[in-house]
Amino acid sequence: MAATNEQVTGHAFLKALYRDGYYPDHLVDRGRDILLRLCERLEAERPDGLDALYALTRAATEEFNALQDAFWEADSDIETVAREEIAEDFHFVARAYGFEDADVEELIATRDW
């Protein structure tokens, strides 16, 4: 099921990473897909509070953790620019689904990057 939230469908996820040749597009695509799957889960499961939201975002963060090795193999990295961009998009997603009070560090608390 594709996300239907209009804010999400009109958003260019990880835009700064696509603009920078240091980040391989095929890996950025995988990151974008992680964020879109998160949106789909939010629409399907409709978390009723921050704890439920954080459980979903942390699972998505674990997917980004697993993607780190692929970046290294491509002579790239989830470093400062990428970390900030990913964190901003997690925060965007939380706000798009009505979680204005979500803490960005809590959203990605399980990150290894």
PDB file of N, CA and C in Angstrom:
ATOM      1  N   MET A   1       0.849  -1.177   0.000  1.00  0.00           N
ATOM      2  CA  MET A   1       0.000   0.000   0.000  1.00  0.00           C
ATOM      3  C   MET A   1       0.894   1.241   0.000  1.00  0.00           C
ATOM      4  N   ALA A   2       0.696   2.101  -0.947  1.00  0.00           N
ATOM      5  CA  ALA A   2       1.475   3.339  -1.022  1.00  0.00           C
ATOM      6  C   ALA A   2       0.917   4.365  -0.039  1.00  0.00           C
ATOM      7  N   ALA A   3       1.792   5.199   0.460  1.00  0.00           N
ATOM      8  CA  ALA A   3       1.367   6.271   1.368  1.00  0.00           C
ATOM      9  C   ALA A   3       0.415   7.207   0.633  1.00  0.00           C
ATOM     10  N   THR A   4      -0.586   7.700   1.358  1.00  0.00           N
ATOM     11  CA  THR A   4      -1.572   8.595   0.749  1.00  0.00           C
ATOM     12  C   THR A   4      -1.542  10.001   1.331  1.00  0.00           C
ATOM     13  N   ASN A   5      -0.785  10.224   2.382  1.00  0.00           N
ATOM     14  CA  ASN A   5      -0.671  11.545   2.995  1.00  0.00           C
ATOM     15  C   ASN A   5      -0.114  12.514   1.953  1.00  0.00           C
ATOM     16  N   GLU A   6      -0.848  13.588   1.666  1.00  0.00           N
ATOM     17  CA  GLU A   6      -0.449  14.516   0.609  1.00  0.00           C
ATOM     18  C   GLU A   6       0.878  15.204   0.899  1.00  0.00           C
ATOM     19  N   GLN A   7       1.168  15.473   2.162  1.00  0.00           N
ATOM     20  CA  GLN A   7       2.470  16.065   2.489  1.00  0.00           C
ATOM     21  C   GLN A   7       3.595  15.111   2.101  1.00  0.00           C
ATOM     22  N   VAL A   8       3.378  13.840   2.350  1.00  0.00           N
ATOM     23  CA  VAL A   8       4.390  12.823   2.072  1.00  0.00           C
ATOM     24  C   VAL A   8       4.533  12.595   0.571  1.00  0.00           C
ATOM     25  N   THR A   9       3.417  12.463  -0.127  1.00  0.00           N
ATOM     26  CA  THR A   9       3.494  12.169  -1.558  1.00  0.00           C
ATOM     27  C   THR A   9       4.111  13.320  -2.343  1.00  0.00           C
ATOM     28  N   GLY A  10       4.046  14.528  -1.812  1.00  0.00           N
ATOM     29  CA  GLY A  10       4.640  15.679  -2.476  1.00  0.00           C
ATOM     30  C   GLY A  10       6.043  16.019  -1.998  1.00  0.00           C
ATOM     31  N   HIS A  11       6.590  15.216  -1.100  1.00  0.00           N
ATOM     32  CA  HIS A  11       7.893  15.518  -0.489  1.00  0.00           C
ATOM     33  C   HIS A  11       9.019  14.789  -1.210  1.00  0.00           C
ATOM     34  N   ALA A  12      10.109  15.484  -1.457  1.00  0.00           N
ATOM     35  CA  ALA A  12      11.312  14.879  -2.044  1.00  0.00           C
ATOM     36  C   ALA A  12      12.221  14.421  -0.907  1.00  0.00           C
ATOM     37  N   PHE A  13      12.131  13.156  -0.557  1.00  0.00           N
ATOM     38  CA  PHE A  13      12.940  12.611   0.528  1.00  0.00           C
ATOM     39  C   PHE A  13      14.418  12.579   0.143  1.00  0.00           C
ATOM     40  N   LEU A  14      15.266  12.896   1.112  1.00  0.00           N
ATOM     41  CA  LEU A  14      16.719  12.809   0.990  1.00  0.00           C
ATOM     42  C   LEU A  14      17.263  13.621  -0.184  1.00  0.00           C
ATOM     43  N   LYS A  15      16.622  14.737  -0.452  1.00  0.00           N
ATOM     44  CA  LYS A  15      16.961  15.568  -1.610  1.00  0.00           C
ATOM     45  C   LYS A  15      18.435  15.964  -1.635  1.00  0.00           C
ATOM     46  N   ALA A  16      18.985  16.358  -0.508  1.00  0.00           N
ATOM     47  CA  ALA A  16      20.389  16.785  -0.474  1.00  0.00           C
ATOM     48  C   ALA A  16      21.332  15.640  -0.839  1.00  0.00           C
ATOM     49  N   LEU A  17      20.954  14.419  -0.521  1.00  0.00           N
ATOM     50  CA  LEU A  17      21.809  13.278  -0.843  1.00  0.00           C
ATOM     51  C   LEU A  17      21.780  12.973  -2.334  1.00  0.00           C
ATOM     52  N   TYR A  18      20.625  13.145  -2.961  1.00  0.00           N
ATOM     53  CA  TYR A  18      20.538  12.946  -4.408  1.00  0.00           C
ATOM     54  C   TYR A  18      21.370  13.991  -5.161  1.00  0.00           C
ATOM     55  N   ARG A  19      21.487  15.183  -4.603  1.00  0.00           N
ATOM     56  CA  ARG A  19      22.230  16.258  -5.270  1.00  0.00           C
ATOM     57  C   ARG A  19      23.741  16.108  -5.130  1.00  0.00           C
ATOM     58  N   ASP A  20      24.186  15.244  -4.248  1.00  0.00           N
ATOM     59  CA  ASP A  20      25.614  15.104  -3.966  1.00  0.00           C
ATOM     60  C   ASP A  20      26.111  13.751  -4.490  1.00  0.00           C
ATOM     61  N   GLY A  21      27.028  13.785  -5.427  1.00  0.00           N
ATOM     62  CA  GLY A  21      27.538  12.568  -6.044  1.00  0.00           C
ATOM     63  C   GLY A  21      28.248  11.619  -5.095  1.00  0.00           C
ATOM     64  N   TYR A  22      28.581  12.074  -3.900  1.00  0.00           N
ATOM     65  CA  TYR A  22      29.228  11.218  -2.908  1.00  0.00           C
ATOM     66  C   TYR A  22      28.309  10.072  -2.478  1.00  0.00           C
ATOM     67  N   TYR A  23      27.011  10.299  -2.580  1.00  0.00           N
ATOM     68  CA  TYR A  23      26.030   9.301  -2.155  1.00  0.00           C
ATOM     69  C   TYR A  23      25.458   8.616  -3.393  1.00  0.00           C
ATOM     70  N   PRO A  24      25.722   7.319  -3.579  1.00  0.00           N
ATOM     71  CA  PRO A  24      25.204   6.613  -4.754  1.00  0.00           C
ATOM     72  C   PRO A  24      23.669   6.618  -4.777  1.00  0.00           C
ATOM     73  N   ASP A  25      23.115   6.999  -5.916  1.00  0.00           N
ATOM     74  CA  ASP A  25      21.659   7.101  -6.030  1.00  0.00           C
ATOM     75  C   ASP A  25      20.952   5.802  -5.662  1.00  0.00           C
ATOM     76  N   HIS A  26      21.517   4.659  -6.059  1.00  0.00           N
ATOM     77  CA  HIS A  26      20.820   3.399  -5.775  1.00  0.00           C
ATOM     78  C   HIS A  26      20.734   3.138  -4.267  1.00  0.00           C
ATOM     79  N   LEU A  27      21.695   3.651  -3.501  1.00  0.00           N
ATOM     80  CA  LEU A  27      21.628   3.499  -2.045  1.00  0.00           C
ATOM     81  C   LEU A  27      20.716   4.548  -1.423  1.00  0.00           C
ATOM     82  N   VAL A  28      20.733   5.744  -1.982  1.00  0.00           N
ATOM     83  CA  VAL A  28      19.798   6.778  -1.514  1.00  0.00           C
ATOM     84  C   VAL A  28      18.369   6.322  -1.799  1.00  0.00           C
ATOM     85  N   ASP A  29      18.161   5.656  -2.943  1.00  0.00           N
ATOM     86  CA  ASP A  29      16.839   5.097  -3.256  1.00  0.00           C
ATOM     87  C   ASP A  29      16.392   4.139  -2.155  1.00  0.00           C
ATOM     88  N   ARG A  30      17.304   3.324  -1.682  1.00  0.00           N
ATOM     89  CA  ARG A  30      16.960   2.377  -0.612  1.00  0.00           C
ATOM     90  C   ARG A  30      16.597   3.118   0.670  1.00  0.00           C
ATOM     91  N   GLY A  31      17.305   4.203   0.958  1.00  0.00           N
ATOM     92  CA  GLY A  31      16.960   5.024   2.118  1.00  0.00           C
ATOM     93  C   GLY A  31      15.598   5.668   1.968  1.00  0.00           C
ATOM     94  N   ARG A  32      15.331   6.201   0.780  1.00  0.00           N
ATOM     95  CA  ARG A  32      14.016   6.788   0.511  1.00  0.00           C
ATOM     96  C   ARG A  32      12.925   5.738   0.709  1.00  0.00           C
ATOM     97  N   ASP A  33      13.179   4.525   0.233  1.00  0.00           N
ATOM     98  CA  ASP A  33      12.190   3.454   0.373  1.00  0.00           C
ATOM     99  C   ASP A  33      11.938   3.104   1.839  1.00  0.00           C
ATOM    100  N   ILE A  34      12.963   3.168   2.668  1.00  0.00           N
ATOM    101  CA  ILE A  34      12.790   2.940   4.110  1.00  0.00           C
ATOM    102  C   ILE A  34      11.822   3.976   4.674  1.00  0.00           C
ATOM    103  N   LEU A  35      12.022   5.227   4.308  1.00  0.00           N
ATOM    104  CA  LEU A  35      11.151   6.298   4.808  1.00  0.00           C
ATOM    105  C   LEU A  35       9.726   6.142   4.283  1.00  0.00           C
ATOM    106  N   LEU A  36       9.576   5.742   3.029  1.00  0.00           N
ATOM    107  CA  LEU A  36       8.232   5.545   2.480  1.00  0.00           C
ATOM    108  C   LEU A  36       7.535   4.359   3.145  1.00  0.00           C
ATOM    109  N   ARG A  37       8.282   3.299   3.429  1.00  0.00           N
ATOM    110  CA  ARG A  37       7.674   2.168   4.158  1.00  0.00           C
ATOM    111  C   ARG A  37       7.243   2.594   5.554  1.00  0.00           C
ATOM    112  N   LEU A  38       8.036   3.456   6.180  1.00  0.00           N
ATOM    113  CA  LEU A  38       7.648   3.994   7.485  1.00  0.00           C
ATOM    114  C   LEU A  38       6.313   4.721   7.367  1.00  0.00           C
ATOM    115  N   CYS A  39       6.161   5.537   6.348  1.00  0.00           N
ATOM    116  CA  CYS A  39       4.896   6.256   6.139  1.00  0.00           C
ATOM    117  C   CYS A  39       3.741   5.280   5.949  1.00  0.00           C
ATOM    118  N   GLU A  40       3.974   4.240   5.167  1.00  0.00           N
ATOM    119  CA  GLU A  40       2.932   3.233   4.951  1.00  0.00           C
ATOM    120  C   GLU A  40       2.545   2.568   6.271  1.00  0.00           C
ATOM    121  N   ARG A  41       3.528   2.250   7.096  1.00  0.00           N
ATOM    122  CA  ARG A  41       3.240   1.637   8.397  1.00  0.00           C
ATOM    123  C   ARG A  41       2.470   2.594   9.300  1.00  0.00           C
ATOM    124  N   LEU A  42       2.838   3.876   9.263  1.00  0.00           N
ATOM    125  CA  LEU A  42       2.121   4.860  10.080  1.00  0.00           C
ATOM    126  C   LEU A  42       0.658   4.939   9.662  1.00  0.00           C
ATOM    127  N   GLU A  43       0.405   4.886   8.366  1.00  0.00           N
ATOM    128  CA  GLU A  43      -0.976   4.942   7.888  1.00  0.00           C
ATOM    129  C   GLU A  43      -1.732   3.664   8.213  1.00  0.00           C
ATOM    130  N   ALA A  44      -1.070   2.533   8.157  1.00  0.00           N
ATOM    131  CA  ALA A  44      -1.727   1.255   8.425  1.00  0.00           C
ATOM    132  C   ALA A  44      -1.952   1.029   9.919  1.00  0.00           C
ATOM    133  N   GLU A  45      -0.960   1.375  10.730  1.00  0.00           N
ATOM    134  CA  GLU A  45      -1.023   1.062  12.159  1.00  0.00           C
ATOM    135  C   GLU A  45      -1.559   2.198  13.013  1.00  0.00           C
ATOM    136  N   ARG A  46      -1.522   3.404  12.508  1.00  0.00           N
ATOM    137  CA  ARG A  46      -2.042   4.584  13.198  1.00  0.00           C
ATOM    138  C   ARG A  46      -1.638   4.626  14.676  1.00  0.00           C
ATOM    139  N   PRO A  47      -0.361   4.831  14.956  1.00  0.00           N
ATOM    140  CA  PRO A  47       0.090   4.866  16.351  1.00  0.00           C
ATOM    141  C   PRO A  47      -0.653   5.937  17.141  1.00  0.00           C
ATOM    142  N   ASP A  48      -0.970   5.613  18.390  1.00  0.00           N
ATOM    143  CA  ASP A  48      -1.812   6.507  19.191  1.00  0.00           C
ATOM    144  C   ASP A  48      -1.034   7.395  20.150  1.00  0.00           C
ATOM    145  N   GLY A  49       0.272   7.383  20.052  1.00  0.00           N
ATOM    146  CA  GLY A  49       1.072   8.238  20.923  1.00  0.00           C
ATOM    147  C   GLY A  49       2.530   8.178  20.525  1.00  0.00           C
ATOM    148  N   LEU A  50       3.321   8.977  21.216  1.00  0.00           N
ATOM    149  CA  LEU A  50       4.740   9.061  20.876  1.00  0.00           C
ATOM    150  C   LEU A  50       5.474   7.736  21.058  1.00  0.00           C
ATOM    151  N   ASP A  51       5.147   6.978  22.095  1.00  0.00           N
ATOM    152  CA  ASP A  51       5.839   5.700  22.303  1.00  0.00           C
ATOM    153  C   ASP A  51       5.618   4.759  21.124  1.00  0.00           C
ATOM    154  N   ALA A  52       4.390   4.701  20.636  1.00  0.00           N
ATOM    155  CA  ALA A  52       4.088   3.851  19.482  1.00  0.00           C
ATOM    156  C   ALA A  52       4.779   4.380  18.225  1.00  0.00           C
ATOM    157  N   LEU A  53       4.810   5.696  18.070  1.00  0.00           N
ATOM    158  CA  LEU A  53       5.528   6.301  16.942  1.00  0.00           C
ATOM    159  C   LEU A  53       7.005   5.941  17.009  1.00  0.00           C
ATOM    160  N   TYR A  54       7.614   6.129  18.180  1.00  0.00           N
ATOM    161  CA  TYR A  54       9.042   5.861  18.330  1.00  0.00           C
ATOM    162  C   TYR A  54       9.372   4.396  18.032  1.00  0.00           C
ATOM    163  N   ALA A  55       8.493   3.484  18.380  1.00  0.00           N
ATOM    164  CA  ALA A  55       8.736   2.073  18.069  1.00  0.00           C
ATOM    165  C   ALA A  55       8.843   1.875  16.558  1.00  0.00           C
ATOM    166  N   LEU A  56       7.982   2.544  15.806  1.00  0.00           N
ATOM    167  CA  LEU A  56       8.014   2.418  14.346  1.00  0.00           C
ATOM    168  C   LEU A  56       9.228   3.116  13.746  1.00  0.00           C
ATOM    169  N   THR A  57       9.549   4.308  14.237  1.00  0.00           N
ATOM    170  CA  THR A  57      10.686   5.028  13.660  1.00  0.00           C
ATOM    171  C   THR A  57      12.004   4.348  14.018  1.00  0.00           C
ATOM    172  N   ARG A  58      12.063   3.754  15.174  1.00  0.00           N
ATOM    173  CA  ARG A  58      13.301   3.063  15.553  1.00  0.00           C
ATOM    174  C   ARG A  58      13.506   1.808  14.711  1.00  0.00           C
ATOM    175  N   ALA A  59      12.421   1.143  14.342  1.00  0.00           N
ATOM    176  CA  ALA A  59      12.543  -0.005  13.436  1.00  0.00           C
ATOM    177  C   ALA A  59      13.075   0.458  12.078  1.00  0.00           C
ATOM    178  N   ALA A  60      12.589   1.594  11.597  1.00  0.00           N
ATOM    179  CA  ALA A  60      13.088   2.145  10.333  1.00  0.00           C
ATOM    180  C   ALA A  60      14.546   2.572  10.474  1.00  0.00           C
ATOM    181  N   THR A  61      14.907   3.100  11.627  1.00  0.00           N
ATOM    182  CA  THR A  61      16.297   3.487  11.881  1.00  0.00           C
ATOM    183  C   THR A  61      17.207   2.270  11.810  1.00  0.00           C
ATOM    184  N   GLU A  62      16.738   1.141  12.317  1.00  0.00           N
ATOM    185  CA  GLU A  62      17.520  -0.098  12.238  1.00  0.00           C
ATOM    186  C   GLU A  62      17.765  -0.487  10.781  1.00  0.00           C
ATOM    187  N   GLU A  63      16.794  -0.210   9.913  1.00  0.00           N
ATOM    188  CA  GLU A  63      16.997  -0.483   8.485  1.00  0.00           C
ATOM    189  C   GLU A  63      18.103   0.403   7.920  1.00  0.00           C
ATOM    190  N   PHE A  64      18.144   1.664   8.343  1.00  0.00           N
ATOM    191  CA  PHE A  64      19.247   2.538   7.923  1.00  0.00           C
ATOM    192  C   PHE A  64      20.573   2.021   8.478  1.00  0.00           C
ATOM    193  N   ASN A  65      20.574   1.526   9.705  1.00  0.00           N
ATOM    194  CA  ASN A  65      21.798   0.954  10.272  1.00  0.00           C
ATOM    195  C   ASN A  65      22.323  -0.169   9.377  1.00  0.00           C
ATOM    196  N   ALA A  66      21.423  -1.017   8.911  1.00  0.00           N
ATOM    197  CA  ALA A  66      21.810  -2.132   8.046  1.00  0.00           C
ATOM    198  C   ALA A  66      22.325  -1.644   6.693  1.00  0.00           C
ATOM    199  N   LEU A  67      21.878  -0.493   6.267  1.00  0.00           N
ATOM    200  CA  LEU A  67      22.290   0.071   4.979  1.00  0.00           C
ATOM    201  C   LEU A  67      23.697   0.662   5.033  1.00  0.00           C
ATOM    202  N   GLN A  68      24.190   0.947   6.222  1.00  0.00           N
ATOM    203  CA  GLN A  68      25.512   1.569   6.378  1.00  0.00           C
ATOM    204  C   GLN A  68      26.610   0.780   5.662  1.00  0.00           C
ATOM    205  N   ASP A  69      26.609  -0.540   5.791  1.00  0.00           N
ATOM    206  CA  ASP A  69      27.654  -1.348   5.148  1.00  0.00           C
ATOM    207  C   ASP A  69      27.653  -1.168   3.636  1.00  0.00           C
ATOM    208  N   ALA A  70      26.478  -1.064   3.045  1.00  0.00           N
ATOM    209  CA  ALA A  70      26.396  -0.865   1.595  1.00  0.00           C
ATOM    210  C   ALA A  70      27.013   0.473   1.197  1.00  0.00           C
ATOM    211  N   PHE A  71      26.819   1.489   2.013  1.00  0.00           N
ATOM    212  CA  PHE A  71      27.463   2.778   1.733  1.00  0.00           C
ATOM    213  C   PHE A  71      28.984   2.631   1.797  1.00  0.00           C
ATOM    214  N   TRP A  72      29.486   1.947   2.810  1.00  0.00           N
ATOM    215  CA  TRP A  72      30.937   1.758   2.927  1.00  0.00           C
ATOM    216  C   TRP A  72      31.492   1.013   1.716  1.00  0.00           C
ATOM    217  N   GLU A  73      30.766  -0.036   1.289  1.00  0.00           N
ATOM    218  CA  GLU A  73      31.213  -0.817   0.134  1.00  0.00           C
ATOM    219  C   GLU A  73      31.255   0.031  -1.132  1.00  0.00           C
ATOM    220  N   ALA A  74      30.463   1.087  -1.177  1.00  0.00           N
ATOM    221  CA  ALA A  74      30.424   1.989  -2.330  1.00  0.00           C
ATOM    222  C   ALA A  74      31.329   3.208  -2.121  1.00  0.00           C
ATOM    223  N   ASP A  75      32.254   3.102  -1.166  1.00  0.00           N
ATOM    224  CA  ASP A  75      33.158   4.217  -0.841  1.00  0.00           C
ATOM    225  C   ASP A  75      32.403   5.481  -0.464  1.00  0.00           C
ATOM    226  N   SER A  76      31.331   5.295   0.274  1.00  0.00           N
ATOM    227  CA  SER A  76      30.519   6.400   0.771  1.00  0.00           C
ATOM    228  C   SER A  76      30.300   6.159   2.258  1.00  0.00           C
ATOM    229  N   ASP A  77      29.456   6.959   2.862  1.00  0.00           N
ATOM    230  CA  ASP A  77      29.248   6.829   4.301  1.00  0.00           C
ATOM    231  C   ASP A  77      27.987   7.603   4.685  1.00  0.00           C
ATOM    232  N   ILE A  78      27.346   7.168   5.739  1.00  0.00           N
ATOM    233  CA  ILE A  78      26.276   7.970   6.335  1.00  0.00           C
ATOM    234  C   ILE A  78      26.976   8.854   7.359  1.00  0.00           C
ATOM    235  N   GLU A  79      27.486   9.989   6.882  1.00  0.00           N
ATOM    236  CA  GLU A  79      28.245  10.907   7.721  1.00  0.00           C
ATOM    237  C   GLU A  79      27.401  12.144   8.015  1.00  0.00           C
ATOM    238  N   THR A  80      28.019  13.209   8.416  1.00  0.00           N
ATOM    239  CA  THR A  80      27.300  14.362   8.960  1.00  0.00           C
ATOM    240  C   THR A  80      26.182  14.866   8.063  1.00  0.00           C
ATOM    241  N   VAL A  81      26.465  15.105   6.796  1.00  0.00           N
ATOM    242  CA  VAL A  81      25.435  15.620   5.886  1.00  0.00           C
ATOM    243  C   VAL A  81      24.282  14.634   5.791  1.00  0.00           C
ATOM    244  N   ALA A  82      24.608  13.369   5.591  1.00  0.00           N
ATOM    245  CA  ALA A  82      23.568  12.347   5.471  1.00  0.00           C
ATOM    246  C   ALA A  82      22.788  12.193   6.771  1.00  0.00           C
ATOM    247  N   ARG A  83      23.491  12.197   7.895  1.00  0.00           N
ATOM    248  CA  ARG A  83      22.806  12.071   9.198  1.00  0.00           C
ATOM    249  C   ARG A  83      21.769  13.169   9.371  1.00  0.00           C
ATOM    250  N   GLU A  84      22.177  14.393   9.071  1.00  0.00           N
ATOM    251  CA  GLU A  84      21.261  15.531   9.226  1.00  0.00           C
ATOM    252  C   GLU A  84      20.065  15.408   8.290  1.00  0.00           C
ATOM    253  N   GLU A  85      20.317  15.028   7.053  1.00  0.00           N
ATOM    254  CA  GLU A  85      19.239  14.902   6.069  1.00  0.00           C
ATOM    255  C   GLU A  85      18.265  13.798   6.473  1.00  0.00           C
ATOM    256  N   ILE A  86      18.789  12.666   6.887  1.00  0.00           N
ATOM    257  CA  ILE A  86      17.935  11.553   7.313  1.00  0.00           C
ATOM    258  C   ILE A  86      17.123  11.958   8.540  1.00  0.00           C
ATOM    259  N   ALA A  87      17.773  12.559   9.519  1.00  0.00           N
ATOM    260  CA  ALA A  87      17.075  12.991  10.737  1.00  0.00           C
ATOM    261  C   ALA A  87      15.975  13.990  10.409  1.00  0.00           C
ATOM    262  N   GLU A  88      16.262  14.940   9.524  1.00  0.00           N
ATOM    263  CA  GLU A  88      15.245  15.926   9.140  1.00  0.00           C
ATOM    264  C   GLU A  88      14.048  15.254   8.485  1.00  0.00           C
ATOM    265  N   ASP A  89      14.298  14.234   7.659  1.00  0.00           N
ATOM    266  CA  ASP A  89      13.176  13.556   7.017  1.00  0.00           C
ATOM    267  C   ASP A  89      12.381  12.705   8.002  1.00  0.00           C
ATOM    268  N   PHE A  90      13.028  12.101   8.983  1.00  0.00           N
ATOM    269  CA  PHE A  90      12.278  11.411  10.035  1.00  0.00           C
ATOM    270  C   PHE A  90      11.381  12.413  10.767  1.00  0.00           C
ATOM    271  N   HIS A  91      11.915  13.577  11.069  1.00  0.00           N
ATOM    272  CA  HIS A  91      11.136  14.603  11.765  1.00  0.00           C
ATOM    273  C   HIS A  91       9.990  15.096  10.884  1.00  0.00           C
ATOM    274  N   PHE A  92      10.249  15.274   9.590  1.00  0.00           N
ATOM    275  CA  PHE A  92       9.198  15.651   8.651  1.00  0.00           C
ATOM    276  C   PHE A  92       8.061  14.628   8.692  1.00  0.00           C
ATOM    277  N   VAL A  93       8.413  13.351   8.637  1.00  0.00           N
ATOM    278  CA  VAL A  93       7.400  12.292   8.647  1.00  0.00           C
ATOM    279  C   VAL A  93       6.569  12.371   9.924  1.00  0.00           C
ATOM    280  N   ALA A  94       7.211  12.511  11.056  1.00  0.00           N
ATOM    281  CA  ALA A  94       6.479  12.594  12.325  1.00  0.00           C
ATOM    282  C   ALA A  94       5.486  13.750  12.295  1.00  0.00           C
ATOM    283  N   ARG A  95       5.927  14.902  11.841  1.00  0.00           N
ATOM    284  CA  ARG A  95       5.037  16.074  11.786  1.00  0.00           C
ATOM    285  C   ARG A  95       3.920  15.871  10.768  1.00  0.00           C
ATOM    286  N   ALA A  96       4.224  15.248   9.647  1.00  0.00           N
ATOM    287  CA  ALA A  96       3.213  15.018   8.609  1.00  0.00           C
ATOM    288  C   ALA A  96       2.074  14.142   9.121  1.00  0.00           C
ATOM    289  N   TYR A  97       2.366  13.301  10.099  1.00  0.00           N
ATOM    290  CA  TYR A  97       1.343  12.420  10.653  1.00  0.00           C
ATOM    291  C   TYR A  97       0.826  12.909  12.001  1.00  0.00           C
ATOM    292  N   GLY A  98       1.049  14.180  12.288  1.00  0.00           N
ATOM    293  CA  GLY A  98       0.432  14.807  13.444  1.00  0.00           C
ATOM    294  C   GLY A  98       1.214  14.741  14.740  1.00  0.00           C
ATOM    295  N   PHE A  99       2.452  14.303  14.680  1.00  0.00           N
ATOM    296  CA  PHE A  99       3.268  14.200  15.893  1.00  0.00           C
ATOM    297  C   PHE A  99       4.215  15.397  15.976  1.00  0.00           C
ATOM    298  N   GLU A 100       3.633  16.561  16.173  1.00  0.00           N
ATOM    299  CA  GLU A 100       4.400  17.813  16.224  1.00  0.00           C
ATOM    300  C   GLU A 100       5.402  17.829  17.375  1.00  0.00           C
ATOM    301  N   ASP A 101       5.105  17.108  18.448  1.00  0.00           N
ATOM    302  CA  ASP A 101       5.958  17.126  19.636  1.00  0.00           C
ATOM    303  C   ASP A 101       7.047  16.054  19.623  1.00  0.00           C
ATOM    304  N   ALA A 102       7.154  15.315  18.532  1.00  0.00           N
ATOM    305  CA  ALA A 102       8.156  14.252  18.471  1.00  0.00           C
ATOM    306  C   ALA A 102       9.561  14.839  18.555  1.00  0.00           C
ATOM    307  N   ASP A 103      10.395  14.203  19.333  1.00  0.00           N
ATOM    308  CA  ASP A 103      11.791  14.608  19.488  1.00  0.00           C
ATOM    309  C   ASP A 103      12.628  13.868  18.443  1.00  0.00           C
ATOM    310  N   VAL A 104      13.353  14.620  17.636  1.00  0.00           N
ATOM    311  CA  VAL A 104      14.095  14.008  16.534  1.00  0.00           C
ATOM    312  C   VAL A 104      15.111  12.987  17.035  1.00  0.00           C
ATOM    313  N   GLU A 105      15.746  13.241  18.164  1.00  0.00           N
ATOM    314  CA  GLU A 105      16.722  12.277  18.690  1.00  0.00           C
ATOM    315  C   GLU A 105      16.043  10.989  19.150  1.00  0.00           C
ATOM    316  N   GLU A 106      14.831  11.098  19.658  1.00  0.00           N
ATOM    317  CA  GLU A 106      14.079   9.898  20.046  1.00  0.00           C
ATOM    318  C   GLU A 106      13.618   9.127  18.813  1.00  0.00           C
ATOM    319  N   LEU A 107      13.292   9.846  17.751  1.00  0.00           N
ATOM    320  CA  LEU A 107      12.852   9.189  16.522  1.00  0.00           C
ATOM    321  C   LEU A 107      13.922   8.245  15.981  1.00  0.00           C
ATOM    322  N   ILE A 108      15.180   8.634  16.122  1.00  0.00           N
ATOM    323  CA  ILE A 108      16.291   7.863  15.551  1.00  0.00           C
ATOM    324  C   ILE A 108      17.247   7.372  16.640  1.00  0.00           C
ATOM    325  N   ALA A 109      16.708   7.110  17.807  1.00  0.00           N
ATOM    326  CA  ALA A 109      17.538   6.783  18.979  1.00  0.00           C
ATOM    327  C   ALA A 109      18.415   5.550  18.773  1.00  0.00           C
ATOM    328  N   THR A 110      18.021   4.644  17.911  1.00  0.00           N
ATOM    329  CA  THR A 110      18.791   3.408  17.724  1.00  0.00           C
ATOM    330  C   THR A 110      19.830   3.522  16.608  1.00  0.00           C
ATOM    331  N   ARG A 111      20.097   4.714  16.150  1.00  0.00           N
ATOM    332  CA  ARG A 111      21.017   4.871  15.004  1.00  0.00           C
ATOM    333  C   ARG A 111      22.454   4.528  15.375  1.00  0.00           C
ATOM    334  N   ASP A 112      23.153   3.972  14.385  1.00  0.00           N
ATOM    335  CA  ASP A 112      24.582   3.679  14.504  1.00  0.00           C
ATOM    336  C   ASP A 112      25.406   4.626  13.638  1.00  0.00           C
ATOM    337  N   TRP A 113      24.790   5.615  13.069  1.00  0.00           N
ATOM    338  CA  TRP A 113      25.467   6.512  12.127  1.00  0.00           C
ATOM    339  C   TRP A 113      25.465   7.915  12.653  1.00  0.00           C
TER     340      TRP A 113
END
